[in-house]
N, C-alpha and C. Protein backbone atom coordinates (compact mmCIF):
# COMPACT_ATOMS: atom_id res chain seq x y z
N MET A 1 0.96 -19.50 6.83
CA MET A 1 0.39 -18.98 8.07
C MET A 1 -0.40 -17.70 7.77
N SER A 2 -1.58 -17.60 8.33
CA SER A 2 -2.38 -16.40 8.18
C SER A 2 -1.96 -15.37 9.22
N THR A 3 -1.95 -14.12 8.84
CA THR A 3 -1.52 -13.06 9.74
C THR A 3 -2.65 -12.07 9.97
N ILE A 4 -2.45 -11.17 10.92
CA ILE A 4 -3.46 -10.16 11.18
C ILE A 4 -3.68 -9.27 9.95
N THR A 5 -2.61 -9.00 9.22
CA THR A 5 -2.74 -8.17 8.01
C THR A 5 -3.62 -8.85 6.98
N GLU A 6 -3.45 -10.16 6.81
CA GLU A 6 -4.28 -10.91 5.86
C GLU A 6 -5.72 -10.99 6.35
N LEU A 7 -5.89 -11.20 7.65
CA LEU A 7 -7.23 -11.31 8.20
C LEU A 7 -8.03 -10.03 8.00
N LEU A 8 -7.38 -8.88 8.16
CA LEU A 8 -8.07 -7.60 8.05
C LEU A 8 -8.44 -7.23 6.61
N LYS A 9 -8.06 -8.07 5.66
CA LYS A 9 -8.51 -7.87 4.29
C LYS A 9 -9.97 -8.29 4.13
N HIS A 10 -10.49 -9.02 5.10
CA HIS A 10 -11.87 -9.49 5.04
C HIS A 10 -12.82 -8.38 5.47
N GLN A 11 -13.73 -8.06 4.58
CA GLN A 11 -14.67 -6.98 4.85
C GLN A 11 -15.53 -7.27 6.08
N ALA A 12 -15.91 -8.53 6.27
CA ALA A 12 -16.75 -8.87 7.41
C ALA A 12 -16.04 -8.60 8.74
N VAL A 13 -14.74 -8.84 8.77
CA VAL A 13 -13.97 -8.59 9.98
C VAL A 13 -13.89 -7.09 10.24
N ARG A 14 -13.55 -6.35 9.21
CA ARG A 14 -13.44 -4.90 9.37
C ARG A 14 -14.78 -4.28 9.74
N LYS A 15 -15.85 -4.77 9.15
CA LYS A 15 -17.18 -4.22 9.43
C LYS A 15 -17.58 -4.43 10.89
N ALA A 16 -17.35 -5.63 11.40
CA ALA A 16 -17.74 -5.94 12.78
C ALA A 16 -16.94 -5.11 13.78
N LEU A 17 -15.63 -5.04 13.56
CA LEU A 17 -14.79 -4.29 14.50
C LEU A 17 -15.02 -2.79 14.37
N ALA A 18 -15.25 -2.31 13.15
CA ALA A 18 -15.49 -0.88 12.94
C ALA A 18 -16.74 -0.43 13.68
N GLU A 19 -17.79 -1.22 13.61
CA GLU A 19 -19.03 -0.89 14.32
C GLU A 19 -18.78 -0.83 15.83
N HIS A 20 -18.01 -1.78 16.32
CA HIS A 20 -17.70 -1.80 17.75
C HIS A 20 -16.89 -0.57 18.16
N TYR A 21 -15.89 -0.22 17.38
CA TYR A 21 -15.05 0.95 17.70
C TYR A 21 -15.87 2.23 17.68
N ARG A 22 -16.73 2.37 16.68
CA ARG A 22 -17.54 3.60 16.61
C ARG A 22 -18.45 3.73 17.82
N LYS A 23 -19.11 2.64 18.19
CA LYS A 23 -20.00 2.67 19.35
C LYS A 23 -19.23 2.96 20.63
N GLY A 24 -18.05 2.36 20.76
CA GLY A 24 -17.25 2.55 21.96
C GLY A 24 -16.78 3.98 22.13
N VAL A 25 -16.31 4.58 21.05
CA VAL A 25 -15.85 5.97 21.12
C VAL A 25 -17.02 6.89 21.44
N THR A 26 -18.17 6.65 20.81
CA THR A 26 -19.36 7.46 21.09
C THR A 26 -19.74 7.38 22.56
N ALA A 27 -19.71 6.18 23.12
CA ALA A 27 -20.04 6.00 24.54
C ALA A 27 -19.05 6.74 25.42
N ALA A 28 -17.78 6.71 25.06
CA ALA A 28 -16.76 7.39 25.85
C ALA A 28 -16.96 8.90 25.82
N VAL A 29 -17.25 9.44 24.64
CA VAL A 29 -17.48 10.88 24.51
C VAL A 29 -18.68 11.30 25.35
N ASN A 30 -19.72 10.49 25.34
CA ASN A 30 -20.93 10.82 26.11
C ASN A 30 -20.66 10.86 27.61
N ARG A 31 -19.61 10.18 28.06
CA ARG A 31 -19.27 10.17 29.49
C ARG A 31 -18.04 11.03 29.80
N TYR A 32 -17.64 11.86 28.85
CA TYR A 32 -16.42 12.65 29.01
C TYR A 32 -16.43 13.46 30.29
N GLU A 33 -17.51 14.16 30.57
CA GLU A 33 -17.56 15.04 31.74
C GLU A 33 -17.36 14.28 33.04
N ASP A 34 -17.67 13.00 33.06
CA ASP A 34 -17.49 12.19 34.27
C ASP A 34 -16.03 11.88 34.54
N ASN A 35 -15.18 12.04 33.52
CA ASN A 35 -13.78 11.65 33.65
C ASN A 35 -12.82 12.74 33.21
N ALA A 36 -13.29 13.98 33.14
CA ALA A 36 -12.54 15.05 32.51
C ALA A 36 -11.43 15.65 33.36
N ALA A 37 -11.18 15.10 34.54
CA ALA A 37 -10.18 15.68 35.43
C ALA A 37 -8.80 15.72 34.80
N ASP A 38 -8.42 14.66 34.10
CA ASP A 38 -7.13 14.63 33.42
C ASP A 38 -7.16 13.60 32.31
N GLU A 39 -6.15 13.66 31.45
CA GLU A 39 -6.12 12.79 30.28
C GLU A 39 -5.98 11.32 30.65
N ASP A 40 -5.33 11.05 31.79
CA ASP A 40 -5.17 9.67 32.23
C ASP A 40 -6.53 9.04 32.53
N SER A 41 -7.39 9.79 33.21
CA SER A 41 -8.73 9.29 33.53
C SER A 41 -9.58 9.12 32.27
N VAL A 42 -9.46 10.07 31.35
CA VAL A 42 -10.25 9.99 30.11
C VAL A 42 -9.80 8.81 29.26
N THR A 43 -8.49 8.58 29.21
CA THR A 43 -7.99 7.44 28.44
C THR A 43 -8.47 6.13 29.04
N GLY A 44 -8.44 6.04 30.37
CA GLY A 44 -8.95 4.83 31.02
C GLY A 44 -10.41 4.60 30.72
N ALA A 45 -11.20 5.67 30.74
CA ALA A 45 -12.63 5.55 30.44
C ALA A 45 -12.85 5.15 28.98
N LEU A 46 -12.00 5.65 28.09
CA LEU A 46 -12.08 5.25 26.68
C LEU A 46 -11.82 3.75 26.55
N GLY A 47 -10.79 3.26 27.23
CA GLY A 47 -10.48 1.84 27.17
C GLY A 47 -11.62 0.98 27.68
N GLN A 48 -12.25 1.42 28.76
CA GLN A 48 -13.39 0.68 29.31
C GLN A 48 -14.56 0.70 28.33
N ALA A 49 -14.80 1.85 27.69
CA ALA A 49 -15.92 1.96 26.75
C ALA A 49 -15.71 1.09 25.51
N LEU A 50 -14.46 0.88 25.14
CA LEU A 50 -14.15 0.06 23.97
C LEU A 50 -14.12 -1.43 24.29
N SER A 51 -14.19 -1.79 25.55
CA SER A 51 -14.17 -3.20 25.93
C SER A 51 -15.46 -3.90 25.47
N GLY A 52 -15.33 -5.12 25.03
CA GLY A 52 -16.49 -5.89 24.58
C GLY A 52 -16.04 -7.13 23.83
N ASP A 53 -16.99 -7.94 23.36
CA ASP A 53 -16.64 -9.16 22.64
C ASP A 53 -17.76 -9.55 21.69
N GLY A 54 -17.46 -10.49 20.81
CA GLY A 54 -18.45 -10.94 19.86
C GLY A 54 -17.89 -12.02 18.95
N ASP A 55 -18.68 -12.43 17.98
CA ASP A 55 -18.30 -13.48 17.03
C ASP A 55 -18.42 -12.97 15.61
N ILE A 56 -17.57 -13.50 14.74
CA ILE A 56 -17.61 -13.18 13.30
C ILE A 56 -17.63 -14.49 12.54
N ASN A 57 -18.61 -14.64 11.68
CA ASN A 57 -18.74 -15.86 10.88
C ASN A 57 -18.18 -15.60 9.48
N LEU A 58 -17.14 -16.33 9.12
CA LEU A 58 -16.55 -16.21 7.78
C LEU A 58 -16.80 -17.47 6.96
N GLY A 59 -17.95 -18.06 7.14
CA GLY A 59 -18.26 -19.29 6.42
C GLY A 59 -17.72 -20.49 7.16
N LYS A 60 -16.63 -21.05 6.67
CA LYS A 60 -16.03 -22.21 7.31
C LYS A 60 -15.20 -21.82 8.54
N VAL A 61 -14.99 -20.54 8.69
CA VAL A 61 -14.15 -20.05 9.78
C VAL A 61 -14.98 -19.27 10.78
N ALA A 62 -14.84 -19.60 12.06
CA ALA A 62 -15.50 -18.86 13.13
C ALA A 62 -14.44 -18.13 13.93
N LEU A 63 -14.66 -16.84 14.12
CA LEU A 63 -13.73 -16.02 14.90
C LEU A 63 -14.42 -15.51 16.14
N ARG A 64 -13.71 -15.53 17.23
CA ARG A 64 -14.17 -14.92 18.47
C ARG A 64 -13.28 -13.71 18.73
N TRP A 65 -13.89 -12.54 18.92
CA TRP A 65 -13.08 -11.35 19.19
C TRP A 65 -13.41 -10.77 20.56
N LYS A 66 -12.43 -10.12 21.13
CA LYS A 66 -12.61 -9.49 22.43
C LYS A 66 -11.70 -8.27 22.51
N THR A 67 -12.27 -7.13 22.89
CA THR A 67 -11.49 -5.93 23.12
C THR A 67 -11.38 -5.71 24.62
N SER A 68 -10.15 -5.54 25.09
CA SER A 68 -9.91 -5.37 26.52
C SER A 68 -9.02 -4.16 26.76
N TYR A 69 -9.12 -3.66 27.97
CA TYR A 69 -8.31 -2.51 28.36
C TYR A 69 -7.50 -2.87 29.60
N ARG A 70 -6.26 -2.39 29.61
CA ARG A 70 -5.42 -2.62 30.79
C ARG A 70 -4.61 -1.37 31.09
N LYS A 71 -4.63 -0.97 32.33
CA LYS A 71 -3.80 0.16 32.78
C LYS A 71 -2.47 -0.40 33.24
N LEU A 72 -1.40 0.11 32.65
CA LEU A 72 -0.05 -0.32 32.99
C LEU A 72 0.70 0.83 33.64
N ARG A 73 1.80 0.53 34.22
CA ARG A 73 2.60 1.59 34.83
C ARG A 73 3.25 2.46 33.76
N GLY A 74 3.66 3.65 34.17
CA GLY A 74 4.36 4.48 33.19
C GLY A 74 4.49 5.93 33.60
N ARG A 75 3.88 6.33 34.70
CA ARG A 75 4.00 7.71 35.13
C ARG A 75 5.26 7.92 35.97
N GLY A 76 5.58 9.18 36.19
CA GLY A 76 6.69 9.51 37.06
C GLY A 76 7.98 9.76 36.31
N ARG A 77 9.01 10.13 37.07
CA ARG A 77 10.31 10.43 36.49
C ARG A 77 10.87 9.22 35.75
N GLY A 78 11.35 9.47 34.55
CA GLY A 78 11.93 8.38 33.77
C GLY A 78 10.91 7.46 33.15
N ALA A 79 9.64 7.87 33.15
CA ALA A 79 8.59 7.03 32.57
C ALA A 79 8.88 6.78 31.10
N PRO A 80 8.47 5.60 30.57
CA PRO A 80 8.72 5.28 29.17
C PRO A 80 8.17 6.33 28.21
N GLU A 81 7.10 7.02 28.59
CA GLU A 81 6.54 8.06 27.73
C GLU A 81 7.59 9.10 27.38
N LYS A 82 8.48 9.41 28.34
CA LYS A 82 9.49 10.43 28.12
C LYS A 82 10.42 10.04 26.97
N LYS A 83 10.70 8.74 26.85
CA LYS A 83 11.65 8.26 25.87
C LYS A 83 11.02 8.06 24.50
N PHE A 84 9.78 7.55 24.48
CA PHE A 84 9.18 7.17 23.21
C PHE A 84 8.02 8.07 22.78
N GLY A 85 7.59 9.00 23.62
CA GLY A 85 6.55 9.93 23.22
C GLY A 85 5.15 9.36 23.22
N ALA A 86 4.97 8.13 23.66
CA ALA A 86 3.65 7.48 23.65
C ALA A 86 3.24 7.12 25.06
N ASP A 87 1.97 7.38 25.39
CA ASP A 87 1.51 6.92 26.69
C ASP A 87 0.46 5.82 26.56
N GLY A 88 0.19 5.38 25.36
CA GLY A 88 -0.75 4.29 25.16
C GLY A 88 -0.57 3.62 23.82
N ILE A 89 -1.24 2.49 23.66
CA ILE A 89 -1.13 1.75 22.41
C ILE A 89 -2.45 1.05 22.09
N PHE A 90 -2.87 1.14 20.85
CA PHE A 90 -3.98 0.35 20.33
C PHE A 90 -3.38 -0.87 19.64
N GLU A 91 -3.97 -2.03 19.87
CA GLU A 91 -3.47 -3.26 19.26
C GLU A 91 -4.61 -4.10 18.69
N ILE A 92 -4.29 -4.84 17.63
CA ILE A 92 -5.18 -5.90 17.13
C ILE A 92 -4.32 -7.14 16.99
N GLU A 93 -4.75 -8.21 17.64
CA GLU A 93 -3.98 -9.45 17.64
C GLU A 93 -4.83 -10.60 17.09
N PHE A 94 -4.20 -11.45 16.30
CA PHE A 94 -4.90 -12.61 15.74
C PHE A 94 -4.15 -13.88 16.13
N GLU A 95 -4.91 -14.86 16.64
CA GLU A 95 -4.37 -16.18 16.95
C GLU A 95 -5.05 -17.20 16.06
N ASP A 96 -4.27 -17.86 15.21
CA ASP A 96 -4.88 -18.82 14.29
C ASP A 96 -5.13 -20.15 14.99
N GLU A 97 -5.60 -21.15 14.23
CA GLU A 97 -6.01 -22.42 14.82
C GLU A 97 -4.83 -23.20 15.39
N ARG A 98 -3.61 -22.81 15.02
CA ARG A 98 -2.42 -23.49 15.54
C ARG A 98 -1.84 -22.77 16.74
N GLY A 99 -2.47 -21.69 17.12
CA GLY A 99 -1.97 -20.93 18.26
C GLY A 99 -0.90 -19.92 17.90
N ILE A 100 -0.67 -19.71 16.60
CA ILE A 100 0.33 -18.75 16.15
C ILE A 100 -0.28 -17.36 16.14
N ARG A 101 0.40 -16.41 16.73
CA ARG A 101 -0.15 -15.07 16.88
C ARG A 101 0.59 -14.05 16.02
N SER A 102 -0.16 -13.07 15.56
CA SER A 102 0.42 -11.91 14.89
C SER A 102 -0.35 -10.69 15.38
N ARG A 103 0.28 -9.53 15.31
CA ARG A 103 -0.32 -8.35 15.92
C ARG A 103 0.09 -7.09 15.18
N LYS A 104 -0.80 -6.12 15.15
CA LYS A 104 -0.43 -4.81 14.65
C LYS A 104 -0.68 -3.79 15.74
N SER A 105 0.12 -2.73 15.75
CA SER A 105 0.11 -1.78 16.85
C SER A 105 0.07 -0.35 16.36
N LEU A 106 -0.56 0.50 17.15
CA LEU A 106 -0.63 1.94 16.86
C LEU A 106 -0.45 2.70 18.17
N PRO A 107 0.72 3.30 18.39
CA PRO A 107 0.95 4.05 19.63
C PRO A 107 0.28 5.42 19.57
N PHE A 108 -0.09 5.93 20.72
CA PHE A 108 -0.74 7.25 20.74
C PHE A 108 -0.28 8.07 21.95
N GLN A 109 -0.36 9.37 21.76
CA GLN A 109 -0.16 10.34 22.83
C GLN A 109 -1.50 11.00 23.08
N ALA A 110 -1.95 11.04 24.33
CA ALA A 110 -3.26 11.59 24.66
C ALA A 110 -3.15 12.98 25.28
N LYS A 111 -4.02 13.89 24.84
CA LYS A 111 -4.09 15.23 25.39
C LYS A 111 -5.55 15.54 25.72
N ASN A 112 -5.74 16.30 26.77
CA ASN A 112 -7.08 16.59 27.25
C ASN A 112 -7.49 18.02 26.93
N ASN A 113 -8.29 18.16 25.88
CA ASN A 113 -8.91 19.44 25.53
C ASN A 113 -7.90 20.56 25.33
N ILE A 114 -6.85 20.28 24.57
CA ILE A 114 -5.88 21.32 24.27
C ILE A 114 -6.36 22.14 23.06
N SER A 115 -5.97 23.40 23.03
CA SER A 115 -6.42 24.29 21.96
C SER A 115 -5.38 24.47 20.86
N SER A 116 -4.13 24.07 21.15
CA SER A 116 -3.05 24.25 20.18
C SER A 116 -2.13 23.04 20.19
N TYR A 117 -1.55 22.74 19.03
CA TYR A 117 -0.62 21.62 18.91
C TYR A 117 0.82 22.10 18.77
N GLY A 118 1.07 23.37 19.08
CA GLY A 118 2.38 23.94 18.81
C GLY A 118 3.38 23.90 19.94
N ARG A 119 3.00 23.39 21.11
CA ARG A 119 3.94 23.35 22.23
C ARG A 119 5.15 22.48 21.90
N ALA A 120 6.32 22.95 22.33
CA ALA A 120 7.56 22.24 22.03
C ALA A 120 7.56 20.82 22.59
N GLU A 121 7.02 20.65 23.81
CA GLU A 121 6.99 19.32 24.42
C GLU A 121 6.15 18.35 23.59
N LEU A 122 4.99 18.80 23.15
CA LEU A 122 4.11 17.94 22.36
C LEU A 122 4.75 17.62 21.01
N ARG A 123 5.37 18.60 20.39
CA ARG A 123 6.02 18.35 19.11
C ARG A 123 7.14 17.32 19.25
N ASP A 124 7.86 17.38 20.37
CA ASP A 124 8.92 16.41 20.62
C ASP A 124 8.33 15.02 20.83
N GLN A 125 7.23 14.94 21.58
CA GLN A 125 6.56 13.66 21.78
C GLN A 125 6.09 13.09 20.43
N ALA A 126 5.53 13.96 19.60
CA ALA A 126 5.04 13.53 18.30
C ALA A 126 6.18 13.06 17.40
N ARG A 127 7.32 13.73 17.48
CA ARG A 127 8.47 13.31 16.67
C ARG A 127 8.90 11.90 17.06
N LYS A 128 8.91 11.61 18.36
CA LYS A 128 9.29 10.27 18.81
C LYS A 128 8.25 9.24 18.38
N LEU A 129 6.97 9.62 18.42
CA LEU A 129 5.92 8.72 17.96
C LEU A 129 6.11 8.37 16.49
N GLY A 130 6.50 9.38 15.71
CA GLY A 130 6.69 9.17 14.27
C GLY A 130 7.82 8.22 13.95
N ASP A 131 8.70 7.96 14.93
CA ASP A 131 9.80 7.03 14.71
C ASP A 131 9.36 5.57 14.78
N PHE A 132 8.17 5.31 15.35
CA PHE A 132 7.65 3.95 15.35
C PHE A 132 7.32 3.53 13.92
N PRO A 133 7.57 2.29 13.53
CA PRO A 133 7.11 1.81 12.22
C PRO A 133 5.60 2.04 12.10
N GLY A 134 5.17 2.61 11.00
CA GLY A 134 3.74 2.88 10.81
C GLY A 134 3.26 4.14 11.49
N GLY A 135 4.18 4.83 12.20
CA GLY A 135 3.84 6.10 12.83
C GLY A 135 2.97 5.98 14.05
N GLY A 136 2.43 7.12 14.47
CA GLY A 136 1.57 7.16 15.64
C GLY A 136 0.59 8.32 15.53
N ILE A 137 -0.23 8.51 16.53
CA ILE A 137 -1.25 9.55 16.49
C ILE A 137 -1.28 10.31 17.81
N VAL A 138 -1.75 11.55 17.73
CA VAL A 138 -2.03 12.37 18.91
C VAL A 138 -3.53 12.47 19.03
N VAL A 139 -4.07 12.05 20.17
CA VAL A 139 -5.51 12.06 20.42
C VAL A 139 -5.83 13.23 21.34
N ASN A 140 -6.80 14.03 20.94
CA ASN A 140 -7.23 15.20 21.72
C ASN A 140 -8.66 14.98 22.20
N TYR A 141 -8.83 14.89 23.52
CA TYR A 141 -10.16 14.67 24.09
C TYR A 141 -10.87 16.01 24.31
N ARG A 142 -12.06 16.13 23.75
CA ARG A 142 -12.90 17.30 23.98
C ARG A 142 -14.32 16.84 24.28
N PRO A 143 -15.09 17.65 24.99
CA PRO A 143 -16.46 17.22 25.33
C PRO A 143 -17.33 16.98 24.10
N GLU A 144 -17.04 17.66 22.99
CA GLU A 144 -17.85 17.50 21.79
C GLU A 144 -17.38 16.35 20.90
N GLY A 145 -16.22 15.77 21.21
CA GLY A 145 -15.73 14.66 20.41
C GLY A 145 -14.24 14.46 20.58
N TYR A 146 -13.75 13.25 20.25
CA TYR A 146 -12.34 12.91 20.37
C TYR A 146 -11.72 12.95 18.98
N SER A 147 -10.63 13.72 18.85
CA SER A 147 -10.01 13.95 17.55
C SER A 147 -8.60 13.38 17.49
N VAL A 148 -8.12 13.20 16.27
CA VAL A 148 -6.80 12.63 16.03
C VAL A 148 -6.07 13.46 14.99
N ILE A 149 -4.77 13.64 15.21
CA ILE A 149 -3.89 14.19 14.17
C ILE A 149 -2.68 13.27 14.07
N ASP A 150 -2.25 13.02 12.85
CA ASP A 150 -1.06 12.20 12.63
C ASP A 150 0.14 12.82 13.34
N ALA A 151 0.94 11.99 14.00
CA ALA A 151 2.06 12.48 14.79
C ALA A 151 3.06 13.26 13.95
N ASP A 152 3.29 12.85 12.72
CA ASP A 152 4.24 13.56 11.87
C ASP A 152 3.80 14.98 11.58
N VAL A 153 2.50 15.18 11.45
CA VAL A 153 1.97 16.53 11.19
C VAL A 153 2.18 17.40 12.43
N VAL A 154 1.92 16.84 13.60
CA VAL A 154 2.14 17.59 14.84
C VAL A 154 3.62 17.92 14.99
N ALA A 155 4.48 16.96 14.71
CA ALA A 155 5.92 17.17 14.86
C ALA A 155 6.43 18.28 13.93
N SER A 156 5.80 18.42 12.78
CA SER A 156 6.24 19.43 11.82
C SER A 156 5.93 20.85 12.27
N GLY A 157 5.04 20.99 13.24
CA GLY A 157 4.66 22.31 13.72
C GLY A 157 3.55 22.97 12.92
N SER A 158 2.98 22.25 11.96
CA SER A 158 1.96 22.83 11.09
C SER A 158 0.54 22.39 11.46
N ALA A 159 0.40 21.61 12.54
CA ALA A 159 -0.91 21.06 12.89
C ALA A 159 -1.87 22.12 13.40
N THR A 160 -3.08 22.10 12.86
CA THR A 160 -4.17 22.95 13.33
C THR A 160 -5.42 22.09 13.43
N ARG A 161 -6.51 22.69 13.88
CA ARG A 161 -7.75 21.92 14.00
C ARG A 161 -8.25 21.44 12.64
N SER A 162 -7.81 22.08 11.58
CA SER A 162 -8.22 21.63 10.24
C SER A 162 -7.63 20.27 9.89
N ASN A 163 -6.58 19.87 10.61
CA ASN A 163 -5.96 18.55 10.37
C ASN A 163 -6.60 17.44 11.19
N GLU A 164 -7.51 17.78 12.08
CA GLU A 164 -8.10 16.79 12.96
C GLU A 164 -9.09 15.88 12.23
N ARG A 165 -9.12 14.65 12.68
CA ARG A 165 -10.10 13.67 12.20
C ARG A 165 -10.70 12.97 13.42
N PRO A 166 -11.94 12.52 13.33
CA PRO A 166 -12.55 11.82 14.47
C PRO A 166 -11.79 10.54 14.81
N LEU A 167 -11.60 10.30 16.10
CA LEU A 167 -10.94 9.07 16.54
C LEU A 167 -11.70 7.85 16.04
N SER A 168 -13.03 7.91 16.08
CA SER A 168 -13.83 6.76 15.62
C SER A 168 -13.55 6.45 14.16
N GLU A 169 -13.31 7.48 13.36
CA GLU A 169 -13.04 7.29 11.93
C GLU A 169 -11.67 6.66 11.72
N VAL A 170 -10.70 7.10 12.49
CA VAL A 170 -9.34 6.56 12.35
C VAL A 170 -9.27 5.10 12.79
N LEU A 171 -9.90 4.78 13.92
CA LEU A 171 -9.88 3.39 14.39
C LEU A 171 -10.67 2.47 13.47
N SER A 172 -11.86 2.91 13.07
CA SER A 172 -12.72 2.05 12.25
C SER A 172 -12.30 2.01 10.79
N GLY A 173 -11.50 3.01 10.37
CA GLY A 173 -11.05 3.06 8.98
C GLY A 173 -9.57 2.76 8.85
N ASP A 174 -8.75 3.77 9.07
CA ASP A 174 -7.31 3.66 8.82
C ASP A 174 -6.65 2.48 9.55
N PHE A 175 -6.96 2.34 10.84
CA PHE A 175 -6.32 1.29 11.63
C PHE A 175 -6.69 -0.09 11.10
N LEU A 176 -7.95 -0.31 10.82
CA LEU A 176 -8.40 -1.62 10.33
C LEU A 176 -7.98 -1.85 8.88
N GLU A 177 -7.82 -0.78 8.12
CA GLU A 177 -7.42 -0.91 6.72
C GLU A 177 -5.91 -0.90 6.56
N CYS A 178 -5.20 -0.86 7.69
CA CYS A 178 -3.74 -0.96 7.71
C CYS A 178 -3.04 0.19 7.00
N THR A 179 -3.64 1.39 7.04
CA THR A 179 -2.96 2.56 6.50
C THR A 179 -2.28 3.36 7.61
N CYS A 180 -2.44 2.93 8.85
CA CYS A 180 -1.65 3.48 9.96
C CYS A 180 -1.38 2.35 10.93
N GLY A 181 -0.34 2.50 11.72
CA GLY A 181 0.08 1.41 12.58
C GLY A 181 0.92 0.42 11.80
N SER A 182 1.44 -0.60 12.48
CA SER A 182 2.34 -1.55 11.83
C SER A 182 2.28 -2.91 12.50
N ALA A 183 2.54 -3.94 11.69
CA ALA A 183 2.63 -5.31 12.21
C ALA A 183 4.08 -5.77 12.32
N THR A 184 5.02 -4.83 12.20
CA THR A 184 6.44 -5.19 12.24
C THR A 184 7.04 -5.10 13.64
N TYR A 185 6.22 -4.79 14.63
CA TYR A 185 6.68 -4.80 16.01
C TYR A 185 5.49 -5.07 16.91
N PHE A 186 5.76 -5.45 18.16
CA PHE A 186 4.67 -5.68 19.10
C PHE A 186 5.18 -5.48 20.52
N PHE A 187 4.27 -5.08 21.39
CA PHE A 187 4.60 -4.89 22.80
C PHE A 187 4.45 -6.22 23.52
N GLU A 188 5.45 -6.57 24.31
CA GLU A 188 5.42 -7.81 25.08
C GLU A 188 5.45 -7.47 26.58
N PRO A 189 4.29 -7.58 27.25
CA PRO A 189 4.22 -7.18 28.66
C PRO A 189 5.22 -7.91 29.55
N ALA A 190 5.42 -9.21 29.33
CA ALA A 190 6.31 -10.00 30.19
C ALA A 190 7.75 -9.49 30.14
N LEU A 191 8.14 -8.93 28.99
CA LEU A 191 9.50 -8.42 28.83
C LEU A 191 9.58 -6.92 29.05
N LYS A 192 8.41 -6.27 29.21
CA LYS A 192 8.34 -4.82 29.37
C LYS A 192 9.11 -4.11 28.27
N GLY A 193 8.81 -4.54 27.04
CA GLY A 193 9.49 -3.94 25.90
C GLY A 193 8.76 -4.22 24.61
N ILE A 194 9.23 -3.61 23.54
CA ILE A 194 8.66 -3.86 22.22
C ILE A 194 9.67 -4.67 21.41
N ILE A 195 9.15 -5.62 20.67
CA ILE A 195 9.97 -6.48 19.83
C ILE A 195 9.85 -6.01 18.39
N MET A 196 10.96 -5.62 17.81
CA MET A 196 11.01 -5.20 16.42
C MET A 196 11.39 -6.39 15.54
N VAL A 197 10.57 -6.64 14.52
CA VAL A 197 10.86 -7.74 13.60
C VAL A 197 11.67 -7.19 12.44
N GLN A 198 12.96 -7.45 12.45
CA GLN A 198 13.86 -7.02 11.38
C GLN A 198 14.60 -8.25 10.89
N ALA A 199 13.92 -9.01 10.01
CA ALA A 199 14.44 -10.30 9.55
C ALA A 199 15.89 -10.16 9.09
N PRO A 200 16.71 -11.14 9.48
CA PRO A 200 16.36 -12.36 10.21
C PRO A 200 16.45 -12.22 11.73
N MET A 201 16.44 -10.98 12.22
CA MET A 201 16.63 -10.77 13.65
C MET A 201 15.39 -10.18 14.31
N LEU A 202 15.31 -10.36 15.62
CA LEU A 202 14.32 -9.69 16.45
C LEU A 202 15.06 -8.75 17.40
N LEU A 203 14.69 -7.49 17.41
CA LEU A 203 15.33 -6.51 18.26
C LEU A 203 14.37 -6.06 19.35
N MET A 204 14.88 -5.87 20.55
CA MET A 204 14.03 -5.47 21.66
C MET A 204 14.41 -4.08 22.14
N ARG A 205 13.38 -3.27 22.41
CA ARG A 205 13.59 -1.95 23.01
C ARG A 205 12.71 -1.87 24.25
N ARG A 206 13.30 -1.45 25.36
CA ARG A 206 12.56 -1.38 26.62
C ARG A 206 11.51 -0.29 26.56
N TRP A 207 10.26 -0.67 26.78
CA TRP A 207 9.15 0.29 26.79
C TRP A 207 7.88 -0.40 27.25
N ALA A 208 7.13 0.28 28.09
CA ALA A 208 5.82 -0.24 28.51
C ALA A 208 4.83 0.91 28.48
N PRO A 209 3.78 0.83 27.66
CA PRO A 209 2.79 1.90 27.60
C PRO A 209 2.02 1.98 28.90
N GLU A 210 1.50 3.15 29.19
CA GLU A 210 0.69 3.30 30.39
C GLU A 210 -0.69 2.70 30.18
N HIS A 211 -1.19 2.77 28.96
CA HIS A 211 -2.52 2.24 28.63
C HIS A 211 -2.41 1.30 27.42
N ARG A 212 -3.10 0.19 27.50
CA ARG A 212 -3.14 -0.74 26.37
C ARG A 212 -4.59 -1.10 26.07
N ILE A 213 -4.99 -0.85 24.84
CA ILE A 213 -6.33 -1.22 24.37
C ILE A 213 -6.15 -2.23 23.24
N ARG A 214 -6.53 -3.46 23.50
CA ARG A 214 -6.23 -4.54 22.56
C ARG A 214 -7.49 -5.26 22.12
N THR A 215 -7.60 -5.49 20.83
CA THR A 215 -8.64 -6.36 20.28
C THR A 215 -7.98 -7.67 19.86
N SER A 216 -8.41 -8.76 20.46
CA SER A 216 -7.86 -10.08 20.15
C SER A 216 -8.88 -10.88 19.36
N LEU A 217 -8.44 -11.52 18.29
CA LEU A 217 -9.28 -12.39 17.49
C LEU A 217 -8.69 -13.80 17.51
N LYS A 218 -9.56 -14.78 17.72
CA LYS A 218 -9.09 -16.16 17.80
C LYS A 218 -9.92 -17.05 16.88
N ALA A 219 -9.22 -17.80 16.03
CA ALA A 219 -9.89 -18.73 15.12
C ALA A 219 -10.41 -19.93 15.89
N ARG A 220 -11.64 -20.35 15.56
CA ARG A 220 -12.23 -21.48 16.25
C ARG A 220 -12.54 -22.61 15.28
N SER A 221 -11.76 -22.70 14.21
CA SER A 221 -11.96 -23.79 13.27
C SER A 221 -10.71 -24.65 13.21
N LYS A 222 -10.84 -25.85 12.64
CA LYS A 222 -9.70 -26.76 12.57
C LYS A 222 -8.74 -26.36 11.48
N HIS A 223 -9.26 -25.77 10.39
CA HIS A 223 -8.43 -25.38 9.26
C HIS A 223 -8.78 -23.96 8.89
N LEU A 224 -7.76 -23.16 8.58
CA LEU A 224 -7.97 -21.75 8.27
C LEU A 224 -7.09 -21.37 7.11
N SER A 225 -7.69 -20.93 6.03
CA SER A 225 -6.92 -20.45 4.88
C SER A 225 -7.66 -19.29 4.25
N PHE A 226 -6.92 -18.33 3.77
CA PHE A 226 -7.52 -17.14 3.15
C PHE A 226 -7.06 -17.02 1.71
């Protein structure tokens, strides 16, 4: 069975999605002032800007990809963010010709134009993010650009602007190259929880992100092998 991790080894796949992510983030930054009231609005606008679809030709294999955004519940007292430190998730999902799906996930905490990463609340959120397999990221929205710092660095209390990297670079590089995020768990909306793959068992933890940005790829050939 081919998995999302195997699929992302293909340069053509990474190139097509990387170009889409870079364009989407740029478009979102250009509209920042229209949505700058709070981080929830900016995150929603980012998800909309990243929405799109296209095709990737791998020779004998045809892939159809689509990036979609969905706003889910999660605010208020006892919101899942309080427990897991994440208010959103980036996902890439692959469905092969047999309908078998695999997915990799990257949770994130969003902040709107903050000047410091040293607040105790943020460090606690980042520590919880770091407990996810593959870790997580803190995204900082600013009018001049959207930046990312690894959650573990924020949790350590040593994060400064020198640790920031462009969101477009992290999504188009690290996320697609599988150096951040993980395919060992996935969010299941119907169950309102995340499923941890710990062979031979599957473990469930109750959690629903407030924002979900997912890129789905579907094979359109009769036979698929890598």
